[in-house]
Amino acid sequence: MLRSLLLAAAMLTAGAAEGAEGAKINAMRVLGSHNSYRPELDAAALAHQRQVMGERSFGVEYGHPPITDQLNLGVRQLEFDPYADSAGGLYSAPYANDPARLTVMNRPGAKVLHAPILDARTLCLTLADCLGQVAGWSRAHPDHALIVIFINTKEEPFNTPLIPDPPLYSEADLAGIDADAIAAFGRDRIVAPDDVRGDADSLRQAVLSGHWPTQRSSRGKVLLVLDSNPRIAQAYREGHPSLKGRMMFGLYDAAEPEAAVFNIQDPKAEEARIKSLVAQGFLVRTRSDADTREARTHDQSRLQAALRSGAQVISTDYYPGAPDPLGLRFTVSPPWFRTTEPKGQ
């Protein structure tokens, strides 16, 4: 009798898990890291950052362990900030005395950093390297839940003679990001706009009709989002209606044919909007903290707003196991975080 009850319980548990896995990816809940490439700040690095950045250091006094360690901790959303560098060498100055890294930085291709000169420390020099590190972890853990990667392209001027203005992204630069993604993961391990749109008239229509793939079918894969200004977003879809043939989703108005994913920074100010978008079937990323403010005051109200909003992706600088360079002992741990999957998957 006891054996029968245990077997029945096991079957119910398996059935519940299968049901959850059968849900679409717009029903997932994942915790992510913000500016995932910024290295952990030890005492020396923090002191140097404060010396170089002055008061601007306040908002970026956080850091992360290696990208694979973040994934081992259960992080399932990452963010990389690439600057276009089609000829190579634009951001190589900090590595003048490091021949190996200087060689990498002198090669053509997008470079990942927060801000030239002021905040150039990074866990991966190039976007290709960042994606390659994720891909290596993914191959070692082929049954992992979907990893969402935001590619936050940088081209805005700094308006200071201390920092040269970055070049504008060209079509070739954007195609290069797609190529880097395919080279890292292979097309079959990328959930791309074509995989969602199918035969629908537009990507937006497919999303509104619930055409997202299931969480089960998305295991071992990544979904990439072009987090850009409107100029880049427009350039990315030109000649690619509904992002046909592109590897990344983009940020577009909810009425546009390419609408699928949204990046809404402040859930306290826009909780109602996030709820509306999620209810329609869109995928939304928001943030539980920003600029170290919530961490310094142990304020969880922004996290609570994010949870109430239903946003599928919540980014933080303070996930469980994240470095704590200021000794703040502030942690963002949604109630569903530790039950999403074993951290090695």
C-alpha atoms as a PDB file:
ATOM      1  CA  MET A   1       0.000   0.000   0.000  1.00  0.00           C
ATOM      2  CA  LEU A   2       2.748   2.434   1.004  1.00  0.00           C
ATOM      3  CA  ARG A   3       4.657   1.555  -2.146  1.00  0.00           C
ATOM      4  CA  SER A   4       1.579   2.292  -4.263  1.00  0.00           C
ATOM      5  CA  LEU A   5       1.090   5.649  -2.569  1.00  0.00           C
ATOM      6  CA  LEU A   6       4.726   6.579  -3.103  1.00  0.00           C
ATOM      7  CA  LEU A   7       4.529   5.573  -6.762  1.00  0.00           C
ATOM      8  CA  ALA A   8       1.346   7.602  -7.213  1.00  0.00           C
ATOM      9  CA  ALA A   9       2.978  10.603  -5.579  1.00  0.00           C
ATOM     10  CA  ALA A  10       6.008  10.255  -7.840  1.00  0.00           C
ATOM     11  CA  MET A  11       3.783  10.087 -10.907  1.00  0.00           C
ATOM     12  CA  LEU A  12       1.879  13.176  -9.801  1.00  0.00           C
ATOM     13  CA  THR A  13       5.152  15.022  -9.247  1.00  0.00           C
ATOM     14  CA  ALA A  14       6.451  13.979 -12.662  1.00  0.00           C
ATOM     15  CA  GLY A  15       3.152  14.952 -14.254  1.00  0.00           C
ATOM     16  CA  ALA A  16       3.262  18.387 -12.648  1.00  0.00           C
ATOM     17  CA  ALA A  17       6.837  18.891 -13.844  1.00  0.00           C
ATOM     18  CA  GLU A  18       5.898  17.793 -17.340  1.00  0.00           C
ATOM     19  CA  GLY A  19       2.948  20.172 -17.318  1.00  0.00           C
ATOM     20  CA  ALA A  20       5.180  23.053 -16.324  1.00  0.00           C
ATOM     21  CA  GLU A  21       7.715  22.107 -18.973  1.00  0.00           C
ATOM     22  CA  GLY A  22       4.885  22.030 -21.514  1.00  0.00           C
ATOM     23  CA  ALA A  23       4.193  25.683 -20.802  1.00  0.00           C
ATOM     24  CA  LYS A  24       5.412  28.278 -23.278  1.00  0.00           C
ATOM     25  CA  ILE A  25       8.523  30.316 -22.614  1.00  0.00           C
ATOM     26  CA  ASN A  26       6.444  33.427 -21.998  1.00  0.00           C
ATOM     27  CA  ALA A  27       5.292  31.659 -18.814  1.00  0.00           C
ATOM     28  CA  MET A  28       8.851  31.194 -17.521  1.00  0.00           C
ATOM     29  CA  ARG A  29      10.283  33.013 -14.517  1.00  0.00           C
ATOM     30  CA  VAL A  30      14.035  33.607 -14.502  1.00  0.00           C
ATOM     31  CA  LEU A  31      16.491  35.702 -12.523  1.00  0.00           C
ATOM     32  CA  GLY A  32      19.222  37.484 -14.433  1.00  0.00           C
ATOM     33  CA  SER A  33      22.353  39.531 -13.878  1.00  0.00           C
ATOM     34  CA  HIS A  34      22.665  43.158 -14.951  1.00  0.00           C
ATOM     35  CA  ASN A  35      25.835  44.088 -16.875  1.00  0.00           C
ATOM     36  CA  SER A  36      26.956  40.488 -16.515  1.00  0.00           C
ATOM     37  CA  TYR A  37      30.451  41.203 -17.892  1.00  0.00           C
ATOM     38  CA  ARG A  38      31.523  43.599 -15.087  1.00  0.00           C
ATOM     39  CA  PRO A  39      34.066  41.761 -12.903  1.00  0.00           C
ATOM     40  CA  GLU A  40      33.901  41.393  -9.155  1.00  0.00           C
ATOM     41  CA  LEU A  41      35.294  44.417  -7.321  1.00  0.00           C
ATOM     42  CA  ASP A  42      37.942  43.592  -4.753  1.00  0.00           C
ATOM     43  CA  ALA A  43      39.204  46.304  -2.392  1.00  0.00           C
ATOM     44  CA  ALA A  44      41.947  47.454  -4.763  1.00  0.00           C
ATOM     45  CA  ALA A  45      39.647  47.564  -7.791  1.00  0.00           C
ATOM     46  CA  LEU A  46      36.987  49.438  -5.831  1.00  0.00           C
ATOM     47  CA  ALA A  47      39.498  52.029  -4.627  1.00  0.00           C
ATOM     48  CA  HIS A  48      40.819  52.519  -8.162  1.00  0.00           C
ATOM     49  CA  GLN A  49      37.295  52.825  -9.557  1.00  0.00           C
ATOM     50  CA  ARG A  50      36.430  55.514  -7.011  1.00  0.00           C
ATOM     51  CA  GLN A  51      39.618  57.401  -7.841  1.00  0.00           C
ATOM     52  CA  VAL A  52      38.962  57.317 -11.594  1.00  0.00           C
ATOM     53  CA  MET A  53      35.176  57.747 -11.623  1.00  0.00           C
ATOM     54  CA  GLY A  54      34.620  60.009  -8.635  1.00  0.00           C
ATOM     55  CA  GLU A  55      30.963  60.364  -7.691  1.00  0.00           C
ATOM     56  CA  ARG A  56      29.915  58.293 -10.708  1.00  0.00           C
ATOM     57  CA  SER A  57      31.358  55.258  -8.955  1.00  0.00           C
ATOM     58  CA  PHE A  58      28.432  55.180  -6.517  1.00  0.00           C
ATOM     59  CA  GLY A  59      25.993  53.595  -8.954  1.00  0.00           C
ATOM     60  CA  VAL A  60      28.330  50.920 -10.280  1.00  0.00           C
ATOM     61  CA  GLU A  61      29.918  49.570  -7.127  1.00  0.00           C
ATOM     62  CA  TYR A  62      28.934  45.998  -7.923  1.00  0.00           C
ATOM     63  CA  GLY A  63      30.468  43.178  -9.902  1.00  0.00           C
ATOM     64  CA  HIS A  64      30.033  39.581 -10.966  1.00  0.00           C
ATOM     65  CA  PRO A  65      31.974  36.332 -10.871  1.00  0.00           C
ATOM     66  CA  PRO A  66      32.954  34.648 -14.163  1.00  0.00           C
ATOM     67  CA  ILE A  67      30.055  34.118 -16.531  1.00  0.00           C
ATOM     68  CA  THR A  68      30.073  30.345 -16.073  1.00  0.00           C
ATOM     69  CA  ASP A  69      29.913  30.825 -12.293  1.00  0.00           C
ATOM     70  CA  GLN A  70      26.852  33.030 -12.731  1.00  0.00           C
ATOM     71  CA  LEU A  71      25.185  30.282 -14.715  1.00  0.00           C
ATOM     72  CA  ASN A  72      26.151  27.721 -12.079  1.00  0.00           C
ATOM     73  CA  LEU A  73      24.442  29.928  -9.482  1.00  0.00           C
ATOM     74  CA  GLY A  74      21.193  29.717 -11.433  1.00  0.00           C
ATOM     75  CA  VAL A  75      21.315  32.973 -13.391  1.00  0.00           C
ATOM     76  CA  ARG A  76      19.396  32.456 -16.645  1.00  0.00           C
ATOM     77  CA  GLN A  77      19.523  35.920 -18.141  1.00  0.00           C
ATOM     78  CA  LEU A  78      22.733  37.737 -19.050  1.00  0.00           C
ATOM     79  CA  GLU A  79      23.530  41.172 -20.434  1.00  0.00           C
ATOM     80  CA  PHE A  80      26.510  42.215 -22.564  1.00  0.00           C
ATOM     81  CA  ASP A  81      27.311  45.745 -23.778  1.00  0.00           C
ATOM     82  CA  PRO A  82      29.181  45.704 -27.099  1.00  0.00           C
ATOM     83  CA  TYR A  83      30.722  48.705 -28.848  1.00  0.00           C
ATOM     84  CA  ALA A  84      31.218  48.469 -32.602  1.00  0.00           C
ATOM     85  CA  ASP A  85      34.868  48.157 -33.632  1.00  0.00           C
ATOM     86  CA  SER A  86      34.860  47.108 -37.268  1.00  0.00           C
ATOM     87  CA  ALA A  87      38.549  47.820 -37.864  1.00  0.00           C
ATOM     88  CA  GLY A  88      39.799  46.840 -34.398  1.00  0.00           C
ATOM     89  CA  GLY A  89      41.936  48.755 -31.940  1.00  0.00           C
ATOM     90  CA  LEU A  90      39.480  51.419 -30.779  1.00  0.00           C
ATOM     91  CA  TYR A  91      39.452  50.161 -27.190  1.00  0.00           C
ATOM     92  CA  SER A  92      42.864  48.562 -26.902  1.00  0.00           C
ATOM     93  CA  ALA A  93      44.680  51.302 -24.930  1.00  0.00           C
ATOM     94  CA  PRO A  94      44.217  49.721 -21.454  1.00  0.00           C
ATOM     95  CA  TYR A  95      45.999  46.585 -22.709  1.00  0.00           C
ATOM     96  CA  ALA A  96      49.158  48.190 -24.059  1.00  0.00           C
ATOM     97  CA  ASN A  97      51.269  46.156 -21.612  1.00  0.00           C
ATOM     98  CA  ASP A  98      49.346  42.905 -22.094  1.00  0.00           C
ATOM     99  CA  PRO A  99      50.360  41.466 -25.503  1.00  0.00           C
ATOM    100  CA  ALA A 100      47.814  38.637 -25.537  1.00  0.00           C
ATOM    101  CA  ARG A 101      44.823  40.843 -24.754  1.00  0.00           C
ATOM    102  CA  LEU A 102      46.147  43.634 -26.937  1.00  0.00           C
ATOM    103  CA  THR A 103      46.149  41.252 -29.877  1.00  0.00           C
ATOM    104  CA  VAL A 104      42.495  40.396 -29.205  1.00  0.00           C
ATOM    105  CA  MET A 105      41.495  44.042 -28.856  1.00  0.00           C
ATOM    106  CA  ASN A 106      43.241  44.995 -32.088  1.00  0.00           C
ATOM    107  CA  ARG A 107      41.192  42.511 -34.080  1.00  0.00           C
ATOM    108  CA  PRO A 108      37.963  43.639 -35.789  1.00  0.00           C
ATOM    109  CA  GLY A 109      34.766  42.887 -33.911  1.00  0.00           C
ATOM    110  CA  ALA A 110      32.491  44.215 -31.166  1.00  0.00           C
ATOM    111  CA  LYS A 111      34.192  44.871 -27.823  1.00  0.00           C
ATOM    112  CA  VAL A 112      32.398  44.522 -24.486  1.00  0.00           C
ATOM    113  CA  LEU A 113      32.885  47.143 -21.778  1.00  0.00           C
ATOM    114  CA  HIS A 114      30.831  49.610 -19.750  1.00  0.00           C
ATOM    115  CA  ALA A 115      32.571  52.829 -20.745  1.00  0.00           C
ATOM    116  CA  PRO A 116      35.920  53.458 -22.463  1.00  0.00           C
ATOM    117  CA  ILE A 117      38.710  54.675 -20.190  1.00  0.00           C
ATOM    118  CA  LEU A 118      36.470  55.204 -17.125  1.00  0.00           C
ATOM    119  CA  ASP A 119      35.016  51.704 -16.765  1.00  0.00           C
ATOM    120  CA  ALA A 120      36.671  49.262 -19.134  1.00  0.00           C
ATOM    121  CA  ARG A 121      37.153  46.194 -16.898  1.00  0.00           C
ATOM    122  CA  THR A 122      35.372  43.173 -18.336  1.00  0.00           C
ATOM    123  CA  LEU A 123      35.037  39.416 -17.957  1.00  0.00           C
ATOM    124  CA  CYS A 124      35.134  38.978 -21.743  1.00  0.00           C
ATOM    125  CA  LEU A 125      36.884  41.347 -24.119  1.00  0.00           C
ATOM    126  CA  THR A 126      34.782  40.701 -27.194  1.00  0.00           C
ATOM    127  CA  LEU A 127      31.145  39.861 -27.775  1.00  0.00           C
ATOM    128  CA  ALA A 128      32.284  36.694 -29.523  1.00  0.00           C
ATOM    129  CA  ASP A 129      34.148  35.699 -26.351  1.00  0.00           C
ATOM    130  CA  CYS A 130      31.162  36.494 -24.100  1.00  0.00           C
ATOM    131  CA  LEU A 131      28.863  34.371 -26.230  1.00  0.00           C
ATOM    132  CA  GLY A 132      31.514  31.670 -26.509  1.00  0.00           C
ATOM    133  CA  GLN A 133      31.737  31.370 -22.726  1.00  0.00           C
ATOM    134  CA  VAL A 134      27.967  30.942 -22.486  1.00  0.00           C
ATOM    135  CA  ALA A 135      28.048  28.401 -25.305  1.00  0.00           C
ATOM    136  CA  GLY A 136      30.781  26.389 -23.610  1.00  0.00           C
ATOM    137  CA  TRP A 137      28.754  26.177 -20.411  1.00  0.00           C
ATOM    138  CA  SER A 138      25.649  25.323 -22.395  1.00  0.00           C
ATOM    139  CA  ARG A 139      27.341  22.408 -24.148  1.00  0.00           C
ATOM    140  CA  ALA A 140      28.479  21.069 -20.767  1.00  0.00           C
ATOM    141  CA  HIS A 141      24.902  21.344 -19.418  1.00  0.00           C
ATOM    142  CA  PRO A 142      22.779  20.479 -22.479  1.00  0.00           C
ATOM    143  CA  ASP A 143      19.497  20.188 -20.535  1.00  0.00           C
ATOM    144  CA  HIS A 144      19.602  23.684 -19.027  1.00  0.00           C
ATOM    145  CA  ALA A 145      16.584  25.966 -19.096  1.00  0.00           C
ATOM    146  CA  LEU A 146      16.481  28.654 -21.761  1.00  0.00           C
ATOM    147  CA  ILE A 147      19.098  31.395 -21.292  1.00  0.00           C
ATOM    148  CA  VAL A 148      18.020  34.900 -22.314  1.00  0.00           C
ATOM    149  CA  ILE A 149      20.847  37.198 -23.439  1.00  0.00           C
ATOM    150  CA  PHE A 150      20.398  40.948 -23.848  1.00  0.00           C
ATOM    151  CA  ILE A 151      22.850  42.556 -26.276  1.00  0.00           C
ATOM    152  CA  ASN A 152      22.913  46.220 -25.224  1.00  0.00           C
ATOM    153  CA  THR A 153      24.591  47.962 -28.153  1.00  0.00           C
ATOM    154  CA  LYS A 154      26.426  51.168 -27.278  1.00  0.00           C
ATOM    155  CA  GLU A 155      26.903  54.132 -29.601  1.00  0.00           C
ATOM    156  CA  GLU A 156      25.753  57.217 -27.705  1.00  0.00           C
ATOM    157  CA  PRO A 157      28.319  60.053 -27.448  1.00  0.00           C
ATOM    158  CA  PHE A 158      29.891  60.791 -24.065  1.00  0.00           C
ATOM    159  CA  ASN A 159      30.019  64.560 -24.664  1.00  0.00           C
ATOM    160  CA  THR A 160      33.396  64.912 -23.032  1.00  0.00           C
ATOM    161  CA  PRO A 161      36.857  65.370 -24.546  1.00  0.00           C
ATOM    162  CA  LEU A 162      38.124  62.690 -22.169  1.00  0.00           C
ATOM    163  CA  ILE A 163      36.305  59.896 -24.018  1.00  0.00           C
ATOM    164  CA  PRO A 164      36.114  59.603 -27.822  1.00  0.00           C
ATOM    165  CA  ASP A 165      32.598  59.165 -29.157  1.00  0.00           C
ATOM    166  CA  PRO A 166      31.970  55.555 -30.231  1.00  0.00           C
ATOM    167  CA  PRO A 167      31.193  54.785 -33.868  1.00  0.00           C
ATOM    168  CA  LEU A 168      27.618  54.250 -34.995  1.00  0.00           C
ATOM    169  CA  TYR A 169      26.550  50.690 -35.711  1.00  0.00           C
ATOM    170  CA  SER A 170      26.356  49.796 -39.380  1.00  0.00           C
ATOM    171  CA  GLU A 171      24.446  47.001 -41.048  1.00  0.00           C
ATOM    172  CA  ALA A 172      27.701  45.063 -41.263  1.00  0.00           C
ATOM    173  CA  ASP A 173      28.199  45.464 -37.489  1.00  0.00           C
ATOM    174  CA  LEU A 174      24.690  44.178 -36.786  1.00  0.00           C
ATOM    175  CA  ALA A 175      25.142  41.275 -39.170  1.00  0.00           C
ATOM    176  CA  GLY A 176      28.384  40.574 -37.320  1.00  0.00           C
ATOM    177  CA  ILE A 177      26.483  40.149 -34.053  1.00  0.00           C
ATOM    178  CA  ASP A 178      24.169  37.620 -35.705  1.00  0.00           C
ATOM    179  CA  ALA A 179      27.215  35.831 -37.104  1.00  0.00           C
ATOM    180  CA  ASP A 180      28.895  35.755 -33.681  1.00  0.00           C
ATOM    181  CA  ALA A 181      25.756  34.189 -32.215  1.00  0.00           C
ATOM    182  CA  ILE A 182      25.595  31.470 -34.858  1.00  0.00           C
ATOM    183  CA  ALA A 183      29.314  30.779 -34.530  1.00  0.00           C
ATOM    184  CA  ALA A 184      28.976  30.376 -30.759  1.00  0.00           C
ATOM    185  CA  PHE A 185      25.762  28.376 -30.461  1.00  0.00           C
ATOM    186  CA  GLY A 186      24.848  27.032 -33.878  1.00  0.00           C
ATOM    187  CA  ARG A 187      21.545  28.033 -35.446  1.00  0.00           C
ATOM    188  CA  ASP A 188      19.692  25.066 -33.938  1.00  0.00           C
ATOM    189  CA  ARG A 189      20.364  26.245 -30.370  1.00  0.00           C
ATOM    190  CA  ILE A 190      19.042  29.774 -30.883  1.00  0.00           C
ATOM    191  CA  VAL A 191      15.360  30.590 -30.410  1.00  0.00           C
ATOM    192  CA  ALA A 192      15.139  33.211 -33.137  1.00  0.00           C
ATOM    193  CA  PRO A 193      12.214  35.337 -34.404  1.00  0.00           C
ATOM    194  CA  ASP A 194      11.650  32.911 -37.296  1.00  0.00           C
ATOM    195  CA  ASP A 195      11.045  30.115 -34.772  1.00  0.00           C
ATOM    196  CA  VAL A 196       8.239  32.090 -33.151  1.00  0.00           C
ATOM    197  CA  ARG A 197       6.672  33.711 -36.213  1.00  0.00           C
ATOM    198  CA  GLY A 198       6.234  30.527 -38.250  1.00  0.00           C
ATOM    199  CA  ASP A 199       3.465  31.084 -40.820  1.00  0.00           C
ATOM    200  CA  ALA A 200       1.910  34.045 -39.011  1.00  0.00           C
ATOM    201  CA  ASP A 201       1.582  37.359 -40.809  1.00  0.00           C
ATOM    202  CA  SER A 202       3.975  39.032 -38.390  1.00  0.00           C
ATOM    203  CA  LEU A 203       6.079  38.304 -35.343  1.00  0.00           C
ATOM    204  CA  ARG A 204       3.685  40.372 -33.245  1.00  0.00           C
ATOM    205  CA  GLN A 205       0.700  38.354 -34.435  1.00  0.00           C
ATOM    206  CA  ALA A 206       2.481  35.115 -33.624  1.00  0.00           C
ATOM    207  CA  VAL A 207       3.215  36.344 -30.105  1.00  0.00           C
ATOM    208  CA  LEU A 208      -0.370  37.492 -29.544  1.00  0.00           C
ATOM    209  CA  SER A 209      -1.535  34.080 -30.756  1.00  0.00           C
ATOM    210  CA  GLY A 210       0.696  32.257 -28.278  1.00  0.00           C
ATOM    211  CA  HIS A 211       3.212  30.840 -30.750  1.00  0.00           C
ATOM    212  CA  TRP A 212       6.160  30.920 -28.362  1.00  0.00           C
ATOM    213  CA  PRO A 213       7.951  27.540 -28.158  1.00  0.00           C
ATOM    214  CA  THR A 214       7.561  25.459 -25.029  1.00  0.00           C
ATOM    215  CA  GLN A 215       9.999  25.562 -22.176  1.00  0.00           C
ATOM    216  CA  ARG A 216      10.751  21.893 -22.759  1.00  0.00           C
ATOM    217  CA  SER A 217      11.646  22.386 -26.437  1.00  0.00           C
ATOM    218  CA  SER A 218      13.797  25.382 -25.508  1.00  0.00           C
ATOM    219  CA  ARG A 219      16.073  23.511 -23.107  1.00  0.00           C
ATOM    220  CA  GLY A 220      19.726  23.781 -24.077  1.00  0.00           C
ATOM    221  CA  LYS A 221      19.026  26.927 -26.109  1.00  0.00           C
ATOM    222  CA  VAL A 222      19.421  30.683 -25.894  1.00  0.00           C
ATOM    223  CA  LEU A 223      17.188  33.600 -26.866  1.00  0.00           C
ATOM    224  CA  LEU A 224      18.945  36.839 -27.790  1.00  0.00           C
ATOM    225  CA  VAL A 225      17.521  40.356 -27.583  1.00  0.00           C
ATOM    226  CA  LEU A 226      18.946  43.417 -29.290  1.00  0.00           C
ATOM    227  CA  ASP A 227      18.662  46.066 -26.574  1.00  0.00           C
ATOM    228  CA  SER A 228      19.316  49.198 -28.586  1.00  0.00           C
ATOM    229  CA  ASN A 229      18.321  52.760 -29.301  1.00  0.00           C
ATOM    230  CA  PRO A 230      15.578  53.332 -31.924  1.00  0.00           C
ATOM    231  CA  ARG A 231      18.065  54.071 -34.711  1.00  0.00           C
ATOM    232  CA  ILE A 232      19.737  50.675 -34.350  1.00  0.00           C
ATOM    233  CA  ALA A 233      16.413  48.900 -33.902  1.00  0.00           C
ATOM    234  CA  GLN A 234      15.186  50.407 -37.169  1.00  0.00           C
ATOM    235  CA  ALA A 235      18.391  49.475 -38.990  1.00  0.00           C
ATOM    236  CA  TYR A 236      18.158  45.898 -37.689  1.00  0.00           C
ATOM    237  CA  ARG A 237      14.699  45.320 -39.168  1.00  0.00           C
ATOM    238  CA  GLU A 238      15.273  47.051 -42.513  1.00  0.00           C
ATOM    239  CA  GLY A 239      15.054  44.380 -45.182  1.00  0.00           C
ATOM    240  CA  HIS A 240      14.028  41.881 -42.505  1.00  0.00           C
ATOM    241  CA  PRO A 241      10.271  42.317 -41.956  1.00  0.00           C
ATOM    242  CA  SER A 242       9.212  40.774 -38.641  1.00  0.00           C
ATOM    243  CA  LEU A 243      12.963  40.169 -38.191  1.00  0.00           C
ATOM    244  CA  LYS A 244      12.985  37.431 -40.826  1.00  0.00           C
ATOM    245  CA  GLY A 245      16.393  35.791 -40.904  1.00  0.00           C
ATOM    246  CA  ARG A 246      17.669  37.691 -37.868  1.00  0.00           C
ATOM    247  CA  MET A 247      19.035  35.947 -34.766  1.00  0.00           C
ATOM    248  CA  MET A 248      17.870  38.504 -32.207  1.00  0.00           C
ATOM    249  CA  PHE A 249      14.556  39.882 -31.106  1.00  0.00           C
ATOM    250  CA  GLY A 250      14.431  43.661 -30.729  1.00  0.00           C
ATOM    251  CA  LEU A 251      12.689  46.355 -28.725  1.00  0.00           C
ATOM    252  CA  TYR A 252       9.764  47.743 -30.696  1.00  0.00           C
ATOM    253  CA  ASP A 253       6.473  49.439 -29.937  1.00  0.00           C
ATOM    254  CA  ALA A 254       3.659  47.038 -29.057  1.00  0.00           C
ATOM    255  CA  ALA A 255       1.826  47.927 -32.262  1.00  0.00           C
ATOM    256  CA  GLU A 256       4.791  47.200 -34.566  1.00  0.00           C
ATOM    257  CA  PRO A 257       5.031  43.929 -36.554  1.00  0.00           C
ATOM    258  CA  GLU A 258       8.357  43.136 -34.854  1.00  0.00           C
ATOM    259  CA  ALA A 259       6.998  43.507 -31.285  1.00  0.00           C
ATOM    260  CA  ALA A 260       7.761  40.524 -29.067  1.00  0.00           C
ATOM    261  CA  VAL A 261      10.098  41.498 -26.198  1.00  0.00           C
ATOM    262  CA  PHE A 262      10.183  44.541 -23.918  1.00  0.00           C
ATOM    263  CA  ASN A 263      12.838  45.903 -21.584  1.00  0.00           C
ATOM    264  CA  ILE A 264      11.082  47.995 -18.923  1.00  0.00           C
ATOM    265  CA  GLN A 265      13.553  49.188 -16.347  1.00  0.00           C
ATOM    266  CA  ASP A 266      11.335  50.384 -13.480  1.00  0.00           C
ATOM    267  CA  PRO A 267       8.504  48.060 -12.409  1.00  0.00           C
ATOM    268  CA  LYS A 268       7.357  50.491  -9.704  1.00  0.00           C
ATOM    269  CA  ALA A 269       6.602  53.186 -12.259  1.00  0.00           C
ATOM    270  CA  GLU A 270       5.306  50.856 -14.978  1.00  0.00           C
ATOM    271  CA  GLU A 271       3.785  47.893 -13.175  1.00  0.00           C
ATOM    272  CA  ALA A 272       0.443  48.283 -14.952  1.00  0.00           C
ATOM    273  CA  ARG A 273       2.092  48.453 -18.370  1.00  0.00           C
ATOM    274  CA  ILE A 274       4.142  45.327 -17.696  1.00  0.00           C
ATOM    275  CA  LYS A 275       1.020  43.454 -16.559  1.00  0.00           C
ATOM    276  CA  SER A 276      -0.771  44.447 -19.750  1.00  0.00           C
ATOM    277  CA  LEU A 277       2.084  43.349 -22.009  1.00  0.00           C
ATOM    278  CA  VAL A 278       2.524  40.029 -20.211  1.00  0.00           C
ATOM    279  CA  ALA A 279      -1.233  39.373 -20.423  1.00  0.00           C
ATOM    280  CA  GLN A 280      -1.063  39.893 -24.198  1.00  0.00           C
ATOM    281  CA  GLY A 281       1.700  37.305 -24.514  1.00  0.00           C
ATOM    282  CA  PHE A 282       4.773  39.509 -24.770  1.00  0.00           C
ATOM    283  CA  LEU A 283       8.046  38.729 -22.985  1.00  0.00           C
ATOM    284  CA  VAL A 284       9.178  41.407 -20.508  1.00  0.00           C
ATOM    285  CA  ARG A 285      12.433  41.986 -18.676  1.00  0.00           C
ATOM    286  CA  THR A 286      12.588  44.373 -15.730  1.00  0.00           C
ATOM    287  CA  ARG A 287      14.966  45.172 -12.855  1.00  0.00           C
ATOM    288  CA  SER A 288      14.620  44.623  -9.107  1.00  0.00           C
ATOM    289  CA  ASP A 289      17.336  47.155  -8.256  1.00  0.00           C
ATOM    290  CA  ALA A 290      19.463  49.785  -9.945  1.00  0.00           C
ATOM    291  CA  ASP A 291      22.538  51.879  -9.287  1.00  0.00           C
ATOM    292  CA  THR A 292      23.072  50.146  -5.894  1.00  0.00           C
ATOM    293  CA  ARG A 293      20.259  52.272  -4.372  1.00  0.00           C
ATOM    294  CA  GLU A 294      18.014  49.442  -3.189  1.00  0.00           C
ATOM    295  CA  ALA A 295      20.983  47.458  -1.945  1.00  0.00           C
ATOM    296  CA  ARG A 296      22.263  50.296   0.236  1.00  0.00           C
ATOM    297  CA  THR A 297      18.883  50.713   1.961  1.00  0.00           C
ATOM    298  CA  HIS A 298      17.741  47.070   1.815  1.00  0.00           C
ATOM    299  CA  ASP A 299      14.694  48.187  -0.154  1.00  0.00           C
ATOM    300  CA  GLN A 300      12.761  45.229  -1.619  1.00  0.00           C
ATOM    301  CA  SER A 301       9.810  47.307  -2.888  1.00  0.00           C
ATOM    302  CA  ARG A 302      11.102  47.370  -6.452  1.00  0.00           C
ATOM    303  CA  LEU A 303      11.449  43.580  -6.401  1.00  0.00           C
ATOM    304  CA  GLN A 304       7.913  43.231  -5.079  1.00  0.00           C
ATOM    305  CA  ALA A 305       6.623  45.433  -7.903  1.00  0.00           C
ATOM    306  CA  ALA A 306       8.545  43.310 -10.404  1.00  0.00           C
ATOM    307  CA  LEU A 307       7.000  40.150  -8.980  1.00  0.00           C
ATOM    308  CA  ARG A 308       3.477  41.604  -9.025  1.00  0.00           C
ATOM    309  CA  SER A 309       3.945  42.748 -12.615  1.00  0.00           C
ATOM    310  CA  GLY A 310       4.447  39.196 -13.856  1.00  0.00           C
ATOM    311  CA  ALA A 311       7.581  40.111 -15.814  1.00  0.00           C
ATOM    312  CA  GLN A 312       9.182  36.864 -16.927  1.00  0.00           C
ATOM    313  CA  VAL A 313      12.762  38.095 -16.497  1.00  0.00           C
ATOM    314  CA  ILE A 314      14.000  40.025 -13.468  1.00  0.00           C
ATOM    315  CA  SER A 315      17.558  41.362 -13.528  1.00  0.00           C
ATOM    316  CA  THR A 316      19.618  42.193 -10.460  1.00  0.00           C
ATOM    317  CA  ASP A 317      23.155  42.899  -9.305  1.00  0.00           C
ATOM    318  CA  TYR A 318      22.490  40.908  -6.120  1.00  0.00           C
ATOM    319  CA  TYR A 319      21.329  37.369  -6.956  1.00  0.00           C
ATOM    320  CA  PRO A 320      22.123  34.688  -4.355  1.00  0.00           C
ATOM    321  CA  GLY A 321      25.860  34.035  -4.454  1.00  0.00           C
ATOM    322  CA  ALA A 322      26.709  37.352  -6.124  1.00  0.00           C
ATOM    323  CA  PRO A 323      29.769  39.226  -4.820  1.00  0.00           C
ATOM    324  CA  ASP A 324      29.135  41.782  -2.088  1.00  0.00           C
ATOM    325  CA  PRO A 325      32.003  44.292  -2.401  1.00  0.00           C
ATOM    326  CA  LEU A 326      30.383  46.818  -0.044  1.00  0.00           C
ATOM    327  CA  GLY A 327      29.340  44.266   2.589  1.00  0.00           C
ATOM    328  CA  LEU A 328      25.682  45.256   2.204  1.00  0.00           C
ATOM    329  CA  ARG A 329      24.251  41.756   2.692  1.00  0.00           C
ATOM    330  CA  PHE A 330      21.447  42.527   0.270  1.00  0.00           C
ATOM    331  CA  THR A 331      20.083  39.635  -1.799  1.00  0.00           C
ATOM    332  CA  VAL A 332      17.371  39.418  -4.443  1.00  0.00           C
ATOM    333  CA  SER A 333      15.843  35.946  -4.302  1.00  0.00           C
ATOM    334  CA  PRO A 334      12.317  35.606  -5.739  1.00  0.00           C
ATOM    335  CA  PRO A 335      10.262  32.788  -4.186  1.00  0.00           C
ATOM    336  CA  TRP A 336      10.436  30.737  -7.382  1.00  0.00           C
ATOM    337  CA  PHE A 337      14.184  31.159  -7.946  1.00  0.00           C
ATOM    338  CA  ARG A 338      15.523  28.073  -6.178  1.00  0.00           C
ATOM    339  CA  THR A 339      12.808  25.825  -7.552  1.00  0.00           C
ATOM    340  CA  THR A 340      13.299  26.559 -11.240  1.00  0.00           C
ATOM    341  CA  GLU A 341      15.853  23.799 -11.770  1.00  0.00           C
ATOM    342  CA  PRO A 342      18.935  22.317 -10.170  1.00  0.00           C
ATOM    343  CA  LYS A 343      21.668  24.935 -10.472  1.00  0.00           C
ATOM    344  CA  GLY A 344      23.963  22.649 -12.459  1.00  0.00           C
ATOM    345  CA  GLN A 345      21.456  22.361 -15.288  1.00  0.00           C
END
